[in-house]
């Protein structure tokens, strides 16, 4: 399916680069609800610590990097969980968002 999409469709990169998508999504959220471009040195289910020493509290933590399976309560989003492709990245992002929303709903948040 991915090959068919590439053969008959168009794969494109935004003029402002791949970071344009996350930046547009984050711009629609409440100020301070998303941190982008931070080097994180420690992650827990409801917090993270940056390389600068800043402690960030969260209801849920989503990690979008390669690596081993995350600790309990941390949600991971990466394309190679399905297929290393644009489609895989989109599907992984959706699955991760649904898991986070489901968790928040179950916990009455």
N, C-alpha and C. Protein backbone atom coordinates (compact mmCIF):
# COMPACT_ATOMS: atom_id res chain seq x y z
N UNK A 1 0.82 -1.19 0.00
CA UNK A 1 0.00 0.00 0.00
C UNK A 1 0.87 1.26 0.00
N UNK A 2 1.93 1.25 0.81
CA UNK A 2 2.81 2.42 0.86
C UNK A 2 3.45 2.66 -0.50
N UNK A 3 3.93 1.58 -1.14
CA UNK A 3 4.54 1.74 -2.47
C UNK A 3 3.53 2.28 -3.48
N UNK A 4 2.29 1.80 -3.39
CA UNK A 4 1.25 2.28 -4.30
C UNK A 4 1.03 3.79 -4.09
N UNK A 5 0.95 4.20 -2.84
CA UNK A 5 0.76 5.63 -2.54
C UNK A 5 1.90 6.47 -3.10
N UNK A 6 3.13 5.97 -2.95
CA UNK A 6 4.27 6.72 -3.48
C UNK A 6 4.28 6.73 -4.99
N UNK A 7 3.81 5.63 -5.61
CA UNK A 7 3.82 5.53 -7.06
C UNK A 7 2.75 6.41 -7.70
N UNK A 8 1.56 6.49 -7.10
CA UNK A 8 0.47 7.23 -7.73
C UNK A 8 0.13 8.52 -7.00
N UNK A 9 0.64 8.71 -5.81
CA UNK A 9 0.35 9.91 -5.03
C UNK A 9 1.58 10.78 -4.91
N UNK A 10 1.51 11.70 -4.01
CA UNK A 10 2.61 12.63 -3.81
C UNK A 10 3.03 12.62 -2.33
N UNK A 11 4.27 12.39 -2.08
CA UNK A 11 4.83 12.55 -0.75
C UNK A 11 5.53 13.90 -0.75
N UNK A 12 5.25 14.72 0.22
CA UNK A 12 5.81 16.07 0.22
C UNK A 12 6.28 16.45 1.61
N UNK A 13 7.19 17.38 1.64
CA UNK A 13 7.68 17.95 2.89
C UNK A 13 7.22 19.41 2.90
N UNK A 14 6.65 19.88 4.02
CA UNK A 14 6.23 21.28 4.08
C UNK A 14 7.40 22.22 3.78
N UNK A 15 7.10 23.36 3.19
CA UNK A 15 8.14 24.33 2.84
C UNK A 15 8.95 24.75 4.07
N UNK A 16 8.30 24.79 5.22
CA UNK A 16 8.98 25.18 6.46
C UNK A 16 9.65 24.00 7.15
N UNK A 17 9.63 22.80 6.53
CA UNK A 17 10.26 21.62 7.11
C UNK A 17 9.26 20.77 7.89
N UNK A 18 9.70 19.57 8.27
CA UNK A 18 8.83 18.62 8.95
C UNK A 18 8.36 19.12 10.33
N UNK A 19 9.11 20.00 10.93
CA UNK A 19 8.71 20.54 12.24
C UNK A 19 7.50 21.46 12.12
N UNK A 20 7.13 21.89 10.91
CA UNK A 20 5.99 22.78 10.73
C UNK A 20 4.70 22.14 11.24
N UNK A 21 4.52 20.84 11.04
CA UNK A 21 3.31 20.15 11.50
C UNK A 21 3.14 20.21 13.00
N UNK A 22 4.13 19.72 13.77
CA UNK A 22 4.02 19.82 15.23
C UNK A 22 3.88 21.27 15.73
N UNK A 23 4.56 22.19 15.07
CA UNK A 23 4.46 23.59 15.49
C UNK A 23 3.03 24.11 15.30
N UNK A 24 2.37 23.75 14.18
CA UNK A 24 1.00 24.18 13.93
C UNK A 24 0.04 23.57 14.95
N UNK A 25 0.23 22.29 15.27
CA UNK A 25 -0.62 21.65 16.27
C UNK A 25 -0.44 22.30 17.64
N UNK A 26 0.80 22.53 18.03
CA UNK A 26 1.08 23.11 19.34
C UNK A 26 0.54 24.53 19.45
N UNK A 27 0.52 25.28 18.34
CA UNK A 27 0.05 26.67 18.36
C UNK A 27 -1.43 26.75 18.72
N UNK A 28 -2.19 25.68 18.49
CA UNK A 28 -3.63 25.69 18.78
C UNK A 28 -3.94 25.29 20.23
N UNK A 29 -2.93 24.88 20.97
CA UNK A 29 -3.13 24.45 22.35
C UNK A 29 -2.90 25.61 23.32
N UNK A 30 -3.35 25.42 24.54
CA UNK A 30 -3.15 26.44 25.57
C UNK A 30 -1.65 26.68 25.78
N UNK A 31 -1.25 27.92 25.99
CA UNK A 31 0.16 28.21 26.22
C UNK A 31 0.73 27.37 27.37
N UNK A 32 1.91 26.81 27.14
CA UNK A 32 2.58 26.01 28.15
C UNK A 32 2.14 24.55 28.22
N UNK A 33 1.18 24.15 27.37
CA UNK A 33 0.70 22.76 27.44
C UNK A 33 1.58 21.80 26.68
N UNK A 34 2.44 22.30 25.79
CA UNK A 34 3.36 21.46 25.03
C UNK A 34 4.73 22.13 25.02
N UNK A 35 5.77 21.34 25.25
CA UNK A 35 7.13 21.85 25.16
C UNK A 35 7.81 21.19 23.97
N UNK A 36 8.33 21.98 23.06
CA UNK A 36 9.02 21.48 21.89
C UNK A 36 10.48 21.89 21.92
N UNK A 37 11.33 21.08 21.31
CA UNK A 37 12.73 21.42 21.17
C UNK A 37 13.52 21.40 22.47
N UNK A 38 13.07 20.62 23.44
CA UNK A 38 13.76 20.53 24.72
C UNK A 38 14.54 19.22 24.79
N UNK A 39 15.79 19.27 25.22
CA UNK A 39 16.53 18.04 25.47
C UNK A 39 16.10 17.50 26.82
N UNK A 40 15.53 16.31 26.82
CA UNK A 40 15.00 15.70 28.04
C UNK A 40 15.98 14.63 28.51
N UNK A 41 16.30 14.66 29.79
CA UNK A 41 17.26 13.70 30.34
C UNK A 41 16.62 12.66 31.25
N UNK A 42 15.37 12.92 31.67
CA UNK A 42 14.68 11.97 32.54
C UNK A 42 13.18 12.05 32.27
N UNK A 43 12.54 10.89 32.17
CA UNK A 43 11.11 10.83 31.89
C UNK A 43 10.44 9.89 32.88
N UNK A 44 9.30 10.30 33.39
CA UNK A 44 8.45 9.45 34.25
C UNK A 44 7.03 9.55 33.72
N UNK A 45 6.10 8.82 34.29
CA UNK A 45 4.73 8.76 33.80
C UNK A 45 4.04 10.12 33.79
N UNK A 46 4.35 10.98 34.75
CA UNK A 46 3.69 12.29 34.82
C UNK A 46 4.67 13.45 34.93
N UNK A 47 5.91 13.24 34.50
CA UNK A 47 6.88 14.33 34.56
C UNK A 47 8.07 14.07 33.66
N UNK A 48 8.83 15.13 33.42
CA UNK A 48 10.07 15.03 32.66
C UNK A 48 11.02 16.09 33.21
N UNK A 49 12.32 15.86 33.04
CA UNK A 49 13.33 16.84 33.47
C UNK A 49 14.20 17.15 32.28
N UNK A 50 14.40 18.43 32.00
CA UNK A 50 15.20 18.85 30.86
C UNK A 50 16.67 18.89 31.22
N UNK A 51 17.51 18.99 30.20
CA UNK A 51 18.96 19.08 30.41
C UNK A 51 19.31 20.35 31.18
N UNK A 52 18.45 21.37 31.08
CA UNK A 52 18.68 22.61 31.81
C UNK A 52 18.25 22.50 33.27
N UNK A 53 17.70 21.33 33.66
CA UNK A 53 17.29 21.11 35.05
C UNK A 53 15.84 21.47 35.34
N UNK A 54 15.09 21.91 34.33
CA UNK A 54 13.70 22.29 34.55
C UNK A 54 12.83 21.04 34.71
N UNK A 55 12.02 21.01 35.75
CA UNK A 55 11.09 19.90 35.98
C UNK A 55 9.75 20.26 35.35
N UNK A 56 9.23 19.37 34.50
CA UNK A 56 7.96 19.60 33.81
C UNK A 56 6.95 18.58 34.29
N UNK A 57 5.82 19.04 34.81
CA UNK A 57 4.75 18.15 35.27
C UNK A 57 3.74 17.98 34.14
N UNK A 58 3.15 16.79 34.05
CA UNK A 58 2.17 16.52 32.99
C UNK A 58 1.15 15.49 33.45
N UNK A 59 -0.03 15.51 32.84
CA UNK A 59 -1.01 14.45 33.12
C UNK A 59 -0.58 13.17 32.43
N UNK A 60 0.01 13.28 31.25
CA UNK A 60 0.52 12.14 30.49
C UNK A 60 1.78 12.59 29.75
N UNK A 61 2.71 11.65 29.53
CA UNK A 61 3.94 11.94 28.81
C UNK A 61 3.95 11.10 27.54
N UNK A 62 4.22 11.75 26.40
CA UNK A 62 4.34 11.07 25.11
C UNK A 62 5.77 11.24 24.63
N UNK A 63 6.41 10.14 24.28
CA UNK A 63 7.78 10.17 23.80
C UNK A 63 7.76 9.80 22.32
N UNK A 64 8.37 10.61 21.48
CA UNK A 64 8.38 10.37 20.04
C UNK A 64 9.80 10.16 19.56
N UNK A 65 10.45 9.13 20.08
CA UNK A 65 11.83 8.81 19.70
C UNK A 65 12.00 7.31 19.59
N UNK A 66 13.07 6.91 18.94
CA UNK A 66 13.40 5.50 18.89
C UNK A 66 13.98 5.07 20.24
N UNK A 67 13.92 3.79 20.51
CA UNK A 67 14.50 3.30 21.75
C UNK A 67 13.74 2.09 22.25
N UNK A 68 14.06 1.70 23.45
CA UNK A 68 13.40 0.54 24.05
C UNK A 68 12.00 0.93 24.49
N UNK A 69 11.25 -0.06 24.95
CA UNK A 69 9.90 0.20 25.41
C UNK A 69 9.93 1.13 26.62
N UNK A 70 8.97 2.04 26.70
CA UNK A 70 8.97 3.01 27.79
C UNK A 70 8.47 2.39 29.09
N UNK A 71 8.77 3.05 30.21
CA UNK A 71 8.22 2.59 31.49
C UNK A 71 6.69 2.68 31.48
N UNK A 72 6.05 2.01 32.40
CA UNK A 72 4.59 2.02 32.52
C UNK A 72 4.09 3.45 32.64
N UNK A 73 3.03 3.77 31.91
CA UNK A 73 2.41 5.08 31.99
C UNK A 73 2.97 6.11 31.04
N UNK A 74 3.99 5.76 30.27
CA UNK A 74 4.55 6.68 29.27
C UNK A 74 4.13 6.16 27.90
N UNK A 75 3.63 7.02 27.07
CA UNK A 75 3.13 6.64 25.75
C UNK A 75 4.19 6.93 24.70
N UNK A 76 4.39 5.98 23.80
CA UNK A 76 5.44 6.13 22.80
C UNK A 76 4.83 6.19 21.41
N UNK A 77 5.35 7.08 20.61
CA UNK A 77 4.85 7.31 19.26
C UNK A 77 6.05 7.29 18.32
N UNK A 78 6.09 6.30 17.43
CA UNK A 78 7.19 6.23 16.46
C UNK A 78 6.77 5.38 15.28
N UNK A 79 7.21 5.77 14.12
CA UNK A 79 6.73 5.12 12.90
C UNK A 79 7.16 3.67 12.76
N UNK A 80 8.30 3.28 13.29
CA UNK A 80 8.75 1.92 13.06
C UNK A 80 7.96 0.87 13.85
N UNK A 81 7.00 1.30 14.68
CA UNK A 81 6.15 0.33 15.36
C UNK A 81 5.23 -0.35 14.35
N UNK A 82 4.99 0.27 13.21
CA UNK A 82 4.19 -0.32 12.14
C UNK A 82 5.06 -0.51 10.91
N UNK A 83 5.21 0.55 10.16
CA UNK A 83 6.10 0.54 9.00
C UNK A 83 6.87 1.85 9.00
N UNK A 84 8.17 1.82 8.66
CA UNK A 84 8.95 3.05 8.64
C UNK A 84 8.58 3.89 7.43
N UNK A 85 7.50 4.67 7.58
CA UNK A 85 6.98 5.46 6.46
C UNK A 85 6.15 6.61 6.99
N UNK A 86 5.72 7.47 6.08
CA UNK A 86 4.81 8.55 6.46
C UNK A 86 3.52 7.95 7.01
N UNK A 87 3.00 6.93 6.33
CA UNK A 87 1.77 6.27 6.78
C UNK A 87 1.97 5.66 8.17
N UNK A 88 3.10 5.02 8.40
CA UNK A 88 3.38 4.43 9.70
C UNK A 88 3.45 5.49 10.79
N UNK A 89 4.03 6.63 10.48
CA UNK A 89 4.12 7.72 11.46
C UNK A 89 2.73 8.25 11.80
N UNK A 90 1.90 8.44 10.77
CA UNK A 90 0.55 8.92 11.00
C UNK A 90 -0.26 7.94 11.84
N UNK A 91 -0.17 6.66 11.50
CA UNK A 91 -0.91 5.64 12.24
C UNK A 91 -0.43 5.55 13.68
N UNK A 92 0.88 5.60 13.87
CA UNK A 92 1.44 5.53 15.22
C UNK A 92 0.99 6.73 16.06
N UNK A 93 1.00 7.91 15.45
CA UNK A 93 0.55 9.11 16.15
C UNK A 93 -0.91 9.02 16.56
N UNK A 94 -1.73 8.51 15.66
CA UNK A 94 -3.15 8.36 15.97
C UNK A 94 -3.36 7.35 17.10
N UNK A 95 -2.68 6.21 16.99
CA UNK A 95 -2.82 5.17 18.02
C UNK A 95 -2.38 5.71 19.39
N UNK A 96 -1.31 6.46 19.41
CA UNK A 96 -0.80 7.03 20.66
C UNK A 96 -1.81 8.05 21.22
N UNK A 97 -2.34 8.92 20.37
CA UNK A 97 -3.32 9.91 20.82
C UNK A 97 -4.56 9.24 21.37
N UNK A 98 -5.03 8.19 20.71
CA UNK A 98 -6.21 7.47 21.20
C UNK A 98 -5.94 6.82 22.55
N UNK A 99 -4.74 6.29 22.75
CA UNK A 99 -4.38 5.67 24.03
C UNK A 99 -4.34 6.72 25.15
N UNK A 100 -3.77 7.88 24.86
CA UNK A 100 -3.71 8.95 25.86
C UNK A 100 -5.11 9.43 26.20
N UNK A 101 -5.93 9.70 25.19
CA UNK A 101 -7.30 10.16 25.44
C UNK A 101 -8.10 9.12 26.20
N UNK A 102 -7.94 7.84 25.84
CA UNK A 102 -8.64 6.79 26.56
C UNK A 102 -8.24 6.73 28.02
N UNK A 103 -6.96 6.90 28.28
CA UNK A 103 -6.45 6.89 29.65
C UNK A 103 -6.99 8.06 30.45
N UNK A 104 -7.03 9.23 29.84
CA UNK A 104 -7.55 10.41 30.52
C UNK A 104 -9.04 10.25 30.83
N UNK A 105 -9.78 9.68 29.88
CA UNK A 105 -11.22 9.46 30.06
C UNK A 105 -11.48 8.44 31.18
N UNK A 106 -10.72 7.34 31.18
CA UNK A 106 -10.89 6.31 32.22
C UNK A 106 -10.60 6.85 33.61
N UNK A 107 -9.69 7.81 33.68
CA UNK A 107 -9.30 8.38 34.98
C UNK A 107 -10.07 9.65 35.32
N UNK A 108 -11.07 9.96 34.52
CA UNK A 108 -11.93 11.11 34.80
C UNK A 108 -11.27 12.46 34.66
N UNK A 109 -10.26 12.56 33.83
CA UNK A 109 -9.55 13.83 33.64
C UNK A 109 -10.14 14.56 32.45
